[in-house]
């Protein structure tokens, strides 16, 4: 049986409804997100998909209008002659075969890895390391590209990659508690629109099963899906 701390038990008493509109949910989160650190604001979206089928998989990226509030460590795998250029563009880490050696040794000090299509074959052998961590570059997510400079700029601005896990649920941080309610709403609407736009072609029937938001340390609030289009 799951037990809750006194704080969580108290916060649960503030949640009076079974579901909330987007506006009311964000307003309530701003009240109950009172941990002693700046909490992230998260979305957990259950979709009616089965990712074991190729036409029901979801992996893509979006640019949040107000960013994520996080500083990401971004790595670029490139040719030796372009390492300095990638660092100059804003990458935190850039390398060639030396970066492959570091990753092979388990030294992964980045949140995102970008490369070009021509170099993807060299990364193939690292799939067993990068894949489970969600760090393998992909054209769908914008991390395999010819325009490294633009990719670095976008991801530093707030572009992020997301995917549905094996149970069909998308877990995503879309801001921080210091964001205003309007900034959080804009980011949340961008996520909803991205999910709609990238609906897998194999989906049958209702696409969204449930949509919850919460802070790092708060109970979750169920959203009324109709309020996204209100």
Foldseek 3Di string as FASTA:
>chain_A
DDDDDPLQVVLVVVDDDQADALLVQLVSQLVSVDDPDWWFKKKKFAWQFAVVDVLRWDKAKDFQPQAQADAWQEEEEEDPVCQVVLVVLPHNYYDYVVVVVCVVVVNDDGDEYAYEPVCLVVCVVVCVRCVVSVHRDDVRHVRHHPCSSVSNVRVRNHMDMWIQPNSRMIMDGQYISVDDSVSSLSSVLRVVVVCVVRRRPPDDDGTTPWMWMHIPPHDIHTYDVVSSVD
